[in-house]
Amino acid sequence: MKVYIDGKYYEKDEAKISVYDHGLLYGDGVFEGIRVYAGKVFKLEAHIGRLYRSAQAIALNIPIKEAETAAVVLKTVELNGIHEGYIRLLVTRGRGDLGVDPRKCPVPSVIVIVDDISLYPREFYAKGISVITASTRRMPADCLDPRIKSLNYLNNILAKIEASRAGALEAIMLSREGYVTECTGDNIFIINNKTIITPLSHSGILEGITRETVIELSGALHLPFRASTLTRYDLYNAEECFLTGTGAEIIPVISIDGRTIGTGSPGPVTRRLIEAFRQRVTSI
């Protein structure tokens, strides 16, 4: 595997950054996870746009233009001969000193990694997963806007630890007011009364690219959809539930906090969306 770092390509084992990089020291940077399907990059323009918006929000000046970044991603995919895979595009604040002052980091670093990813075992896409709600609350937007896809994932990691210790594959994170936001790495949807429902954007979520794709698909399939404030009560009484994310794609949820969702098997709307999603990504 070849990894792009600041204008050069390195073999995987030789790809290194400075221990003084503020991305390592403080999680100061932004990133995107992007999929490759049938040799083509899925929604590259949307991912690049979000990367630059995240960077703008944290006053991080990416040293190359959007078009050049897109070209670098495509070249890295080509060099690695990836037909089905995952791209991790990162921009760190760059090398500085041991203080947090970003002014000490004169040149940000751009990194592109192309590899495989498997967030959940394949069998769970057919039978569904069990999840919990975490006691770790989602960091509120007045502290850090969740639309910024930053390198600092400690809030999510703490909730993921809770899931692991509970024997679950994923954890739902609530706002400090107790409303459903998202999972540690995925957005969440439920189906009630044949309507697809997901938390509002301002509930404290990352506006996922796969989330937006599912919303588009619901329109194409003439399935009722709305964004709404949700509580655990709504989740527990859902007819169906599923999670979405670049790494996860669409994965059904059959149990939340020990409550069986629907029939305890992936529901018909979820299965229909999974099939539509597969058709969409293989036709790009």
C-alpha atoms as a PDB file:
ATOM      1  CA  MET A   1       0.000   0.000   0.000  1.00  0.00           C
ATOM      2  CA  LYS A   2       1.210   3.495  -0.858  1.00  0.00           C
ATOM      3  CA  VAL A   3       0.370   6.407   1.431  1.00  0.00           C
ATOM      4  CA  TYR A   4       0.376  10.034   0.316  1.00  0.00           C
ATOM      5  CA  ILE A   5       1.966  12.539   2.695  1.00  0.00           C
ATOM      6  CA  ASP A   6       2.536  16.151   1.634  1.00  0.00           C
ATOM      7  CA  GLY A   7       3.293  15.608  -2.033  1.00  0.00           C
ATOM      8  CA  LYS A   8       5.105  12.267  -1.800  1.00  0.00           C
ATOM      9  CA  TYR A   9       4.129   8.614  -1.732  1.00  0.00           C
ATOM     10  CA  TYR A  10       5.501   6.169   0.816  1.00  0.00           C
ATOM     11  CA  GLU A  11       5.167   2.458   1.377  1.00  0.00           C
ATOM     12  CA  LYS A  12       2.793   1.709   4.240  1.00  0.00           C
ATOM     13  CA  ASP A  13       5.559   0.789   6.704  1.00  0.00           C
ATOM     14  CA  GLU A  14       7.564   3.873   5.785  1.00  0.00           C
ATOM     15  CA  ALA A  15       4.700   6.379   6.047  1.00  0.00           C
ATOM     16  CA  LYS A  16       5.445   8.501   9.099  1.00  0.00           C
ATOM     17  CA  ILE A  17       4.681  11.896  10.603  1.00  0.00           C
ATOM     18  CA  SER A  18       6.558  13.916  13.205  1.00  0.00           C
ATOM     19  CA  VAL A  19       5.880  13.225  16.887  1.00  0.00           C
ATOM     20  CA  TYR A  20       5.539  17.015  17.119  1.00  0.00           C
ATOM     21  CA  ASP A  21       2.579  17.061  14.719  1.00  0.00           C
ATOM     22  CA  HIS A  22      -0.367  18.653  16.515  1.00  0.00           C
ATOM     23  CA  GLY A  23      -2.688  16.108  14.961  1.00  0.00           C
ATOM     24  CA  LEU A  24      -0.918  13.505  17.098  1.00  0.00           C
ATOM     25  CA  LEU A  25      -0.302  15.676  20.149  1.00  0.00           C
ATOM     26  CA  TYR A  26      -3.738  17.312  20.410  1.00  0.00           C
ATOM     27  CA  GLY A  27      -6.078  15.813  17.814  1.00  0.00           C
ATOM     28  CA  ASP A  28      -5.832  19.129  15.978  1.00  0.00           C
ATOM     29  CA  GLY A  29      -6.976  18.418  12.461  1.00  0.00           C
ATOM     30  CA  VAL A  30      -9.851  17.211  10.301  1.00  0.00           C
ATOM     31  CA  PHE A  31     -10.563  14.125   8.249  1.00  0.00           C
ATOM     32  CA  GLU A  32     -12.930  12.332   5.916  1.00  0.00           C
ATOM     33  CA  GLY A  33     -13.681   8.640   5.431  1.00  0.00           C
ATOM     34  CA  ILE A  34     -14.586   7.877   1.818  1.00  0.00           C
ATOM     35  CA  ARG A  35     -15.612   4.673   0.054  1.00  0.00           C
ATOM     36  CA  VAL A  36     -14.429   3.134  -3.194  1.00  0.00           C
ATOM     37  CA  TYR A  37     -17.013   1.028  -5.001  1.00  0.00           C
ATOM     38  CA  ALA A  38     -16.283  -0.819  -8.256  1.00  0.00           C
ATOM     39  CA  GLY A  39     -13.094   1.208  -8.633  1.00  0.00           C
ATOM     40  CA  LYS A  40     -14.895   4.548  -8.318  1.00  0.00           C
ATOM     41  CA  VAL A  41     -14.839   6.995  -5.410  1.00  0.00           C
ATOM     42  CA  PHE A  42     -18.306   7.544  -3.939  1.00  0.00           C
ATOM     43  CA  LYS A  43     -19.424  11.158  -3.495  1.00  0.00           C
ATOM     44  CA  LEU A  44     -15.887  12.537  -3.551  1.00  0.00           C
ATOM     45  CA  GLU A  45     -17.030  16.115  -4.143  1.00  0.00           C
ATOM     46  CA  ALA A  46     -19.334  16.022  -1.094  1.00  0.00           C
ATOM     47  CA  HIS A  47     -16.557  14.638   1.110  1.00  0.00           C
ATOM     48  CA  ILE A  48     -14.002  17.177  -0.103  1.00  0.00           C
ATOM     49  CA  GLY A  49     -16.476  19.994   0.477  1.00  0.00           C
ATOM     50  CA  ARG A  50     -17.129  18.872   4.041  1.00  0.00           C
ATOM     51  CA  LEU A  51     -13.393  18.532   4.720  1.00  0.00           C
ATOM     52  CA  TYR A  52     -12.793  22.132   3.701  1.00  0.00           C
ATOM     53  CA  ARG A  53     -15.782  23.366   5.713  1.00  0.00           C
ATOM     54  CA  SER A  54     -14.454  21.551   8.786  1.00  0.00           C
ATOM     55  CA  ALA A  55     -11.032  23.087   8.219  1.00  0.00           C
ATOM     56  CA  GLN A  56     -12.531  26.562   7.816  1.00  0.00           C
ATOM     57  CA  ALA A  57     -14.413  26.146  11.085  1.00  0.00           C
ATOM     58  CA  ILE A  58     -11.190  25.443  13.023  1.00  0.00           C
ATOM     59  CA  ALA A  59      -9.140  28.087  11.165  1.00  0.00           C
ATOM     60  CA  LEU A  60      -6.999  25.459   9.452  1.00  0.00           C
ATOM     61  CA  ASN A  61      -5.742  26.539   6.037  1.00  0.00           C
ATOM     62  CA  ILE A  62      -5.371  23.452   3.844  1.00  0.00           C
ATOM     63  CA  PRO A  63      -2.260  24.102   1.722  1.00  0.00           C
ATOM     64  CA  ILE A  64      -3.750  22.798  -1.544  1.00  0.00           C
ATOM     65  CA  LYS A  65      -6.988  23.630  -3.348  1.00  0.00           C
ATOM     66  CA  GLU A  66     -10.060  21.393  -3.374  1.00  0.00           C
ATOM     67  CA  ALA A  67      -9.523  20.252  -6.965  1.00  0.00           C
ATOM     68  CA  GLU A  68      -5.924  19.262  -6.222  1.00  0.00           C
ATOM     69  CA  THR A  69      -6.989  17.369  -3.104  1.00  0.00           C
ATOM     70  CA  ALA A  70      -9.561  15.449  -5.142  1.00  0.00           C
ATOM     71  CA  ALA A  71      -6.902  14.640  -7.760  1.00  0.00           C
ATOM     72  CA  VAL A  72      -4.541  13.362  -5.052  1.00  0.00           C
ATOM     73  CA  VAL A  73      -7.265  11.081  -3.673  1.00  0.00           C
ATOM     74  CA  LEU A  74      -8.004   9.649  -7.114  1.00  0.00           C
ATOM     75  CA  LYS A  75      -4.312   9.099  -7.876  1.00  0.00           C
ATOM     76  CA  THR A  76      -3.760   7.349  -4.537  1.00  0.00           C
ATOM     77  CA  VAL A  77      -6.661   4.996  -5.264  1.00  0.00           C
ATOM     78  CA  GLU A  78      -5.232   4.308  -8.723  1.00  0.00           C
ATOM     79  CA  LEU A  79      -1.693   3.665  -7.444  1.00  0.00           C
ATOM     80  CA  ASN A  80      -3.004   1.165  -4.923  1.00  0.00           C
ATOM     81  CA  GLY A  81      -5.182  -0.627  -7.473  1.00  0.00           C
ATOM     82  CA  ILE A  82      -8.170  -0.519  -5.131  1.00  0.00           C
ATOM     83  CA  HIS A  83     -11.465  -1.808  -6.548  1.00  0.00           C
ATOM     84  CA  GLU A  84     -13.445  -1.982  -3.302  1.00  0.00           C
ATOM     85  CA  GLY A  85     -12.043  -0.132  -0.302  1.00  0.00           C
ATOM     86  CA  TYR A  86     -11.845   2.797   2.041  1.00  0.00           C
ATOM     87  CA  ILE A  87     -10.013   6.124   1.925  1.00  0.00           C
ATOM     88  CA  ARG A  88      -8.909   8.084   4.970  1.00  0.00           C
ATOM     89  CA  LEU A  89      -8.164  11.700   4.021  1.00  0.00           C
ATOM     90  CA  LEU A  90      -6.596  13.726   6.839  1.00  0.00           C
ATOM     91  CA  VAL A  91      -5.327  17.260   7.299  1.00  0.00           C
ATOM     92  CA  THR A  92      -3.371  17.874  10.493  1.00  0.00           C
ATOM     93  CA  ARG A  93      -2.305  21.215  11.899  1.00  0.00           C
ATOM     94  CA  GLY A  94       1.230  20.106  11.161  1.00  0.00           C
ATOM     95  CA  ARG A  95       4.479  20.100  13.079  1.00  0.00           C
ATOM     96  CA  GLY A  96       4.767  22.557  15.950  1.00  0.00           C
ATOM     97  CA  ASP A  97       6.058  22.556  19.503  1.00  0.00           C
ATOM     98  CA  LEU A  98       4.739  21.062  22.741  1.00  0.00           C
ATOM     99  CA  GLY A  99       2.327  23.941  23.317  1.00  0.00           C
ATOM    100  CA  VAL A 100      -1.214  24.062  21.945  1.00  0.00           C
ATOM    101  CA  ASP A 101      -0.735  27.343  20.040  1.00  0.00           C
ATOM    102  CA  PRO A 102      -1.606  26.568  16.380  1.00  0.00           C
ATOM    103  CA  ARG A 103       0.490  29.542  15.250  1.00  0.00           C
ATOM    104  CA  LYS A 104       3.540  27.405  16.011  1.00  0.00           C
ATOM    105  CA  CYS A 105       2.496  25.020  13.202  1.00  0.00           C
ATOM    106  CA  PRO A 106       3.417  26.859  10.000  1.00  0.00           C
ATOM    107  CA  VAL A 107       2.558  24.114   7.470  1.00  0.00           C
ATOM    108  CA  PRO A 108      -0.435  21.740   7.754  1.00  0.00           C
ATOM    109  CA  SER A 109       0.021  18.151   6.552  1.00  0.00           C
ATOM    110  CA  VAL A 110      -2.233  16.400   4.029  1.00  0.00           C
ATOM    111  CA  ILE A 111      -2.367  12.601   4.236  1.00  0.00           C
ATOM    112  CA  VAL A 112      -4.263  10.065   2.107  1.00  0.00           C
ATOM    113  CA  ILE A 113      -4.516   6.403   3.119  1.00  0.00           C
ATOM    114  CA  VAL A 114      -6.299   3.791   1.000  1.00  0.00           C
ATOM    115  CA  ASP A 115      -7.045   0.407   2.551  1.00  0.00           C
ATOM    116  CA  ASP A 116      -9.788  -2.049   3.501  1.00  0.00           C
ATOM    117  CA  ILE A 117     -12.304  -1.482   6.304  1.00  0.00           C
ATOM    118  CA  SER A 118     -14.732  -3.758   8.116  1.00  0.00           C
ATOM    119  CA  LEU A 119     -16.541  -2.133  11.032  1.00  0.00           C
ATOM    120  CA  TYR A 120     -18.948  -5.004  11.610  1.00  0.00           C
ATOM    121  CA  PRO A 121     -18.787  -8.728  10.731  1.00  0.00           C
ATOM    122  CA  ARG A 122     -20.624  -9.393   7.458  1.00  0.00           C
ATOM    123  CA  GLU A 123     -23.175 -11.747   9.032  1.00  0.00           C
ATOM    124  CA  PHE A 124     -24.648  -8.881  11.073  1.00  0.00           C
ATOM    125  CA  TYR A 125     -25.770  -7.097   7.922  1.00  0.00           C
ATOM    126  CA  ALA A 126     -28.208  -9.970   7.396  1.00  0.00           C
ATOM    127  CA  LYS A 127     -29.289 -10.558  10.990  1.00  0.00           C
ATOM    128  CA  GLY A 128     -28.815  -7.136  12.626  1.00  0.00           C
ATOM    129  CA  ILE A 129     -26.905  -5.934  15.670  1.00  0.00           C
ATOM    130  CA  SER A 130     -27.638  -5.101  19.291  1.00  0.00           C
ATOM    131  CA  VAL A 131     -26.700  -1.670  20.612  1.00  0.00           C
ATOM    132  CA  ILE A 132     -26.836   0.209  23.899  1.00  0.00           C
ATOM    133  CA  THR A 133     -27.272   3.828  24.889  1.00  0.00           C
ATOM    134  CA  ALA A 134     -24.111   5.185  26.495  1.00  0.00           C
ATOM    135  CA  SER A 135     -23.916   7.148  29.715  1.00  0.00           C
ATOM    136  CA  THR A 136     -21.241   9.260  27.983  1.00  0.00           C
ATOM    137  CA  ARG A 137     -23.189  12.213  26.556  1.00  0.00           C
ATOM    138  CA  ARG A 138     -22.515  13.756  23.158  1.00  0.00           C
ATOM    139  CA  MET A 139     -20.372  16.843  23.464  1.00  0.00           C
ATOM    140  CA  PRO A 140     -22.778  19.794  23.066  1.00  0.00           C
ATOM    141  CA  ALA A 141     -22.583  22.036  20.022  1.00  0.00           C
ATOM    142  CA  ASP A 142     -21.833  25.083  22.172  1.00  0.00           C
ATOM    143  CA  CYS A 143     -18.563  23.361  23.115  1.00  0.00           C
ATOM    144  CA  LEU A 144     -17.660  21.822  19.738  1.00  0.00           C
ATOM    145  CA  ASP A 145     -19.901  21.877  16.689  1.00  0.00           C
ATOM    146  CA  PRO A 146     -20.531  18.224  15.691  1.00  0.00           C
ATOM    147  CA  ARG A 147     -20.486  19.215  12.016  1.00  0.00           C
ATOM    148  CA  ILE A 148     -16.707  19.560  12.378  1.00  0.00           C
ATOM    149  CA  LYS A 149     -15.251  16.142  11.553  1.00  0.00           C
ATOM    150  CA  SER A 150     -12.156  16.547  13.688  1.00  0.00           C
ATOM    151  CA  LEU A 151      -9.353  14.180  14.630  1.00  0.00           C
ATOM    152  CA  ASN A 152     -10.371  14.403  18.288  1.00  0.00           C
ATOM    153  CA  TYR A 153     -12.723  11.440  18.788  1.00  0.00           C
ATOM    154  CA  LEU A 154     -12.280  10.889  22.525  1.00  0.00           C
ATOM    155  CA  ASN A 155     -15.961  11.647  23.237  1.00  0.00           C
ATOM    156  CA  ASN A 156     -16.956   8.884  20.799  1.00  0.00           C
ATOM    157  CA  ILE A 157     -14.252   6.503  21.991  1.00  0.00           C
ATOM    158  CA  LEU A 158     -15.454   6.659  25.594  1.00  0.00           C
ATOM    159  CA  ALA A 159     -18.957   5.689  24.449  1.00  0.00           C
ATOM    160  CA  LYS A 160     -17.484   2.909  22.295  1.00  0.00           C
ATOM    161  CA  ILE A 161     -15.686   1.532  25.362  1.00  0.00           C
ATOM    162  CA  GLU A 162     -19.054   1.358  27.120  1.00  0.00           C
ATOM    163  CA  ALA A 163     -20.500  -0.589  24.189  1.00  0.00           C
ATOM    164  CA  SER A 164     -17.585  -3.015  24.204  1.00  0.00           C
ATOM    165  CA  ARG A 165     -17.845  -3.643  27.930  1.00  0.00           C
ATOM    166  CA  ALA A 166     -21.578  -4.267  27.566  1.00  0.00           C
ATOM    167  CA  GLY A 167     -20.964  -6.798  24.788  1.00  0.00           C
ATOM    168  CA  ALA A 168     -22.552  -4.556  22.147  1.00  0.00           C
ATOM    169  CA  LEU A 169     -21.114  -3.512  18.800  1.00  0.00           C
ATOM    170  CA  GLU A 170     -22.229   0.113  18.994  1.00  0.00           C
ATOM    171  CA  ALA A 171     -23.495   2.763  21.404  1.00  0.00           C
ATOM    172  CA  ILE A 172     -26.097   5.479  20.920  1.00  0.00           C
ATOM    173  CA  MET A 173     -25.078   8.854  22.331  1.00  0.00           C
ATOM    174  CA  LEU A 174     -27.601  11.230  23.865  1.00  0.00           C
ATOM    175  CA  SER A 175     -27.437  14.995  24.180  1.00  0.00           C
ATOM    176  CA  ARG A 176     -27.068  16.454  27.649  1.00  0.00           C
ATOM    177  CA  GLU A 177     -30.856  17.031  27.526  1.00  0.00           C
ATOM    178  CA  GLY A 178     -31.419  13.332  26.890  1.00  0.00           C
ATOM    179  CA  TYR A 179     -32.276  13.459  23.181  1.00  0.00           C
ATOM    180  CA  VAL A 180     -30.909  10.957  20.666  1.00  0.00           C
ATOM    181  CA  THR A 181     -28.013  12.331  18.617  1.00  0.00           C
ATOM    182  CA  GLU A 182     -25.966   9.633  16.855  1.00  0.00           C
ATOM    183  CA  CYS A 183     -23.788   6.626  17.532  1.00  0.00           C
ATOM    184  CA  THR A 184     -20.031   6.617  18.061  1.00  0.00           C
ATOM    185  CA  GLY A 185     -19.380   6.474  14.328  1.00  0.00           C
ATOM    186  CA  ASP A 186     -22.770   6.244  12.649  1.00  0.00           C
ATOM    187  CA  ASN A 187     -26.019   8.149  12.219  1.00  0.00           C
ATOM    188  CA  ILE A 188     -29.235   6.483  13.388  1.00  0.00           C
ATOM    189  CA  PHE A 189     -32.660   6.035  11.777  1.00  0.00           C
ATOM    190  CA  ILE A 190     -35.893   4.458  12.932  1.00  0.00           C
ATOM    191  CA  ILE A 191     -39.073   3.530  11.112  1.00  0.00           C
ATOM    192  CA  ASN A 192     -42.461   4.156  12.730  1.00  0.00           C
ATOM    193  CA  ASN A 193     -45.857   4.072  11.020  1.00  0.00           C
ATOM    194  CA  LYS A 194     -44.021   3.383   7.741  1.00  0.00           C
ATOM    195  CA  THR A 195     -42.144   6.698   8.119  1.00  0.00           C
ATOM    196  CA  ILE A 196     -38.336   6.921   8.142  1.00  0.00           C
ATOM    197  CA  ILE A 197     -37.200   9.205  10.969  1.00  0.00           C
ATOM    198  CA  THR A 198     -33.751  10.485  11.938  1.00  0.00           C
ATOM    199  CA  PRO A 199     -32.581  13.085  14.481  1.00  0.00           C
ATOM    200  CA  LEU A 200     -32.605  16.718  13.380  1.00  0.00           C
ATOM    201  CA  SER A 201     -29.309  18.191  12.198  1.00  0.00           C
ATOM    202  CA  HIS A 202     -29.220  20.593  15.140  1.00  0.00           C
ATOM    203  CA  SER A 203     -29.715  17.727  17.623  1.00  0.00           C
ATOM    204  CA  GLY A 204     -25.928  17.403  17.830  1.00  0.00           C
ATOM    205  CA  ILE A 205     -24.987  15.172  14.922  1.00  0.00           C
ATOM    206  CA  LEU A 206     -22.472  14.949  12.145  1.00  0.00           C
ATOM    207  CA  GLU A 207     -24.431  15.327   8.921  1.00  0.00           C
ATOM    208  CA  GLY A 208     -23.236  12.088   7.365  1.00  0.00           C
ATOM    209  CA  ILE A 209     -22.786  11.587   3.643  1.00  0.00           C
ATOM    210  CA  THR A 210     -24.417   8.142   3.882  1.00  0.00           C
ATOM    211  CA  ARG A 211     -27.213   9.705   5.958  1.00  0.00           C
ATOM    212  CA  GLU A 212     -27.859  12.156   3.139  1.00  0.00           C
ATOM    213  CA  THR A 213     -27.793   9.301   0.624  1.00  0.00           C
ATOM    214  CA  VAL A 214     -30.460   7.423   2.597  1.00  0.00           C
ATOM    215  CA  ILE A 215     -32.609  10.567   2.699  1.00  0.00           C
ATOM    216  CA  GLU A 216     -32.234  10.845  -1.098  1.00  0.00           C
ATOM    217  CA  LEU A 217     -33.144   7.177  -1.508  1.00  0.00           C
ATOM    218  CA  SER A 218     -36.257   7.549   0.646  1.00  0.00           C
ATOM    219  CA  GLY A 219     -37.487  10.191  -1.791  1.00  0.00           C
ATOM    220  CA  ALA A 220     -36.644   8.074  -4.839  1.00  0.00           C
ATOM    221  CA  LEU A 221     -38.489   5.114  -3.306  1.00  0.00           C
ATOM    222  CA  HIS A 222     -41.475   7.311  -2.292  1.00  0.00           C
ATOM    223  CA  LEU A 223     -40.980   6.414   1.358  1.00  0.00           C
ATOM    224  CA  PRO A 224     -42.212   9.003   3.892  1.00  0.00           C
ATOM    225  CA  PHE A 225     -39.340  10.706   5.705  1.00  0.00           C
ATOM    226  CA  ARG A 226     -38.894  13.340   8.398  1.00  0.00           C
ATOM    227  CA  ALA A 227     -36.193  14.607  10.739  1.00  0.00           C
ATOM    228  CA  SER A 228     -37.355  14.944  14.311  1.00  0.00           C
ATOM    229  CA  THR A 229     -36.319  15.126  17.941  1.00  0.00           C
ATOM    230  CA  LEU A 230     -36.084  11.570  19.275  1.00  0.00           C
ATOM    231  CA  THR A 231     -35.853  10.052  22.744  1.00  0.00           C
ATOM    232  CA  ARG A 232     -35.021   6.552  23.921  1.00  0.00           C
ATOM    233  CA  TYR A 233     -38.773   5.924  24.198  1.00  0.00           C
ATOM    234  CA  ASP A 234     -39.047   6.471  20.428  1.00  0.00           C
ATOM    235  CA  LEU A 235     -36.176   4.060  19.801  1.00  0.00           C
ATOM    236  CA  TYR A 236     -37.581   1.347  22.060  1.00  0.00           C
ATOM    237  CA  ASN A 237     -40.961   1.493  20.304  1.00  0.00           C
ATOM    238  CA  ALA A 238     -39.642   1.674  16.752  1.00  0.00           C
ATOM    239  CA  GLU A 239     -40.835  -0.800  14.130  1.00  0.00           C
ATOM    240  CA  GLU A 240     -37.340  -0.871  12.620  1.00  0.00           C
ATOM    241  CA  CYS A 241     -33.959   0.727  13.259  1.00  0.00           C
ATOM    242  CA  PHE A 242     -30.727   0.994  11.315  1.00  0.00           C
ATOM    243  CA  LEU A 243     -27.407   2.835  11.385  1.00  0.00           C
ATOM    244  CA  THR A 244     -25.598   4.548   8.518  1.00  0.00           C
ATOM    245  CA  GLY A 245     -22.018   5.591   7.915  1.00  0.00           C
ATOM    246  CA  THR A 246     -19.282   5.490   5.305  1.00  0.00           C
ATOM    247  CA  GLY A 247     -17.606   2.559   7.025  1.00  0.00           C
ATOM    248  CA  ALA A 248     -20.799   0.893   8.256  1.00  0.00           C
ATOM    249  CA  GLU A 249     -22.900   1.578   5.124  1.00  0.00           C
ATOM    250  CA  ILE A 250     -26.430   0.564   6.296  1.00  0.00           C
ATOM    251  CA  ILE A 251     -26.635  -1.944   9.140  1.00  0.00           C
ATOM    252  CA  PRO A 252     -29.886  -3.071  10.825  1.00  0.00           C
ATOM    253  CA  VAL A 253     -30.410  -2.803  14.591  1.00  0.00           C
ATOM    254  CA  ILE A 254     -32.570  -5.482  16.238  1.00  0.00           C
ATOM    255  CA  SER A 255     -32.091  -4.672  19.935  1.00  0.00           C
ATOM    256  CA  ILE A 256     -31.511  -1.491  21.957  1.00  0.00           C
ATOM    257  CA  ASP A 257     -30.720  -1.701  25.669  1.00  0.00           C
ATOM    258  CA  GLY A 258     -32.162  -5.211  25.747  1.00  0.00           C
ATOM    259  CA  ARG A 259     -35.445  -4.176  24.076  1.00  0.00           C
ATOM    260  CA  THR A 260     -36.261  -6.100  20.905  1.00  0.00           C
ATOM    261  CA  ILE A 261     -36.919  -3.788  17.970  1.00  0.00           C
ATOM    262  CA  GLY A 262     -39.861  -4.817  15.803  1.00  0.00           C
ATOM    263  CA  THR A 263     -39.784  -8.533  15.113  1.00  0.00           C
ATOM    264  CA  GLY A 264     -36.154  -8.897  16.166  1.00  0.00           C
ATOM    265  CA  SER A 265     -35.066  -9.190  12.533  1.00  0.00           C
ATOM    266  CA  PRO A 266     -34.179  -6.562   9.903  1.00  0.00           C
ATOM    267  CA  GLY A 267     -37.454  -5.052   8.714  1.00  0.00           C
ATOM    268  CA  PRO A 268     -38.784  -4.658   5.161  1.00  0.00           C
ATOM    269  CA  VAL A 269     -38.054  -0.925   4.851  1.00  0.00           C
ATOM    270  CA  THR A 270     -34.489  -1.404   6.082  1.00  0.00           C
ATOM    271  CA  ARG A 271     -33.934  -4.275   3.641  1.00  0.00           C
ATOM    272  CA  ARG A 272     -35.376  -2.207   0.805  1.00  0.00           C
ATOM    273  CA  LEU A 273     -33.038   0.696   1.593  1.00  0.00           C
ATOM    274  CA  ILE A 274     -30.021  -1.622   1.803  1.00  0.00           C
ATOM    275  CA  GLU A 275     -30.809  -3.001  -1.639  1.00  0.00           C
ATOM    276  CA  ALA A 276     -31.350   0.486  -3.075  1.00  0.00           C
ATOM    277  CA  PHE A 277     -28.087   1.663  -1.520  1.00  0.00           C
ATOM    278  CA  ARG A 278     -26.156  -1.236  -3.074  1.00  0.00           C
ATOM    279  CA  GLN A 279     -27.649  -0.412  -6.461  1.00  0.00           C
ATOM    280  CA  ARG A 280     -26.747   3.252  -6.039  1.00  0.00           C
ATOM    281  CA  VAL A 281     -23.093   2.702  -5.128  1.00  0.00           C
ATOM    282  CA  THR A 282     -22.473   0.118  -7.829  1.00  0.00           C
ATOM    283  CA  SER A 283     -23.971   2.318 -10.540  1.00  0.00           C
ATOM    284  CA  ILE A 284     -21.763   5.393 -10.019  1.00  0.00           C
END
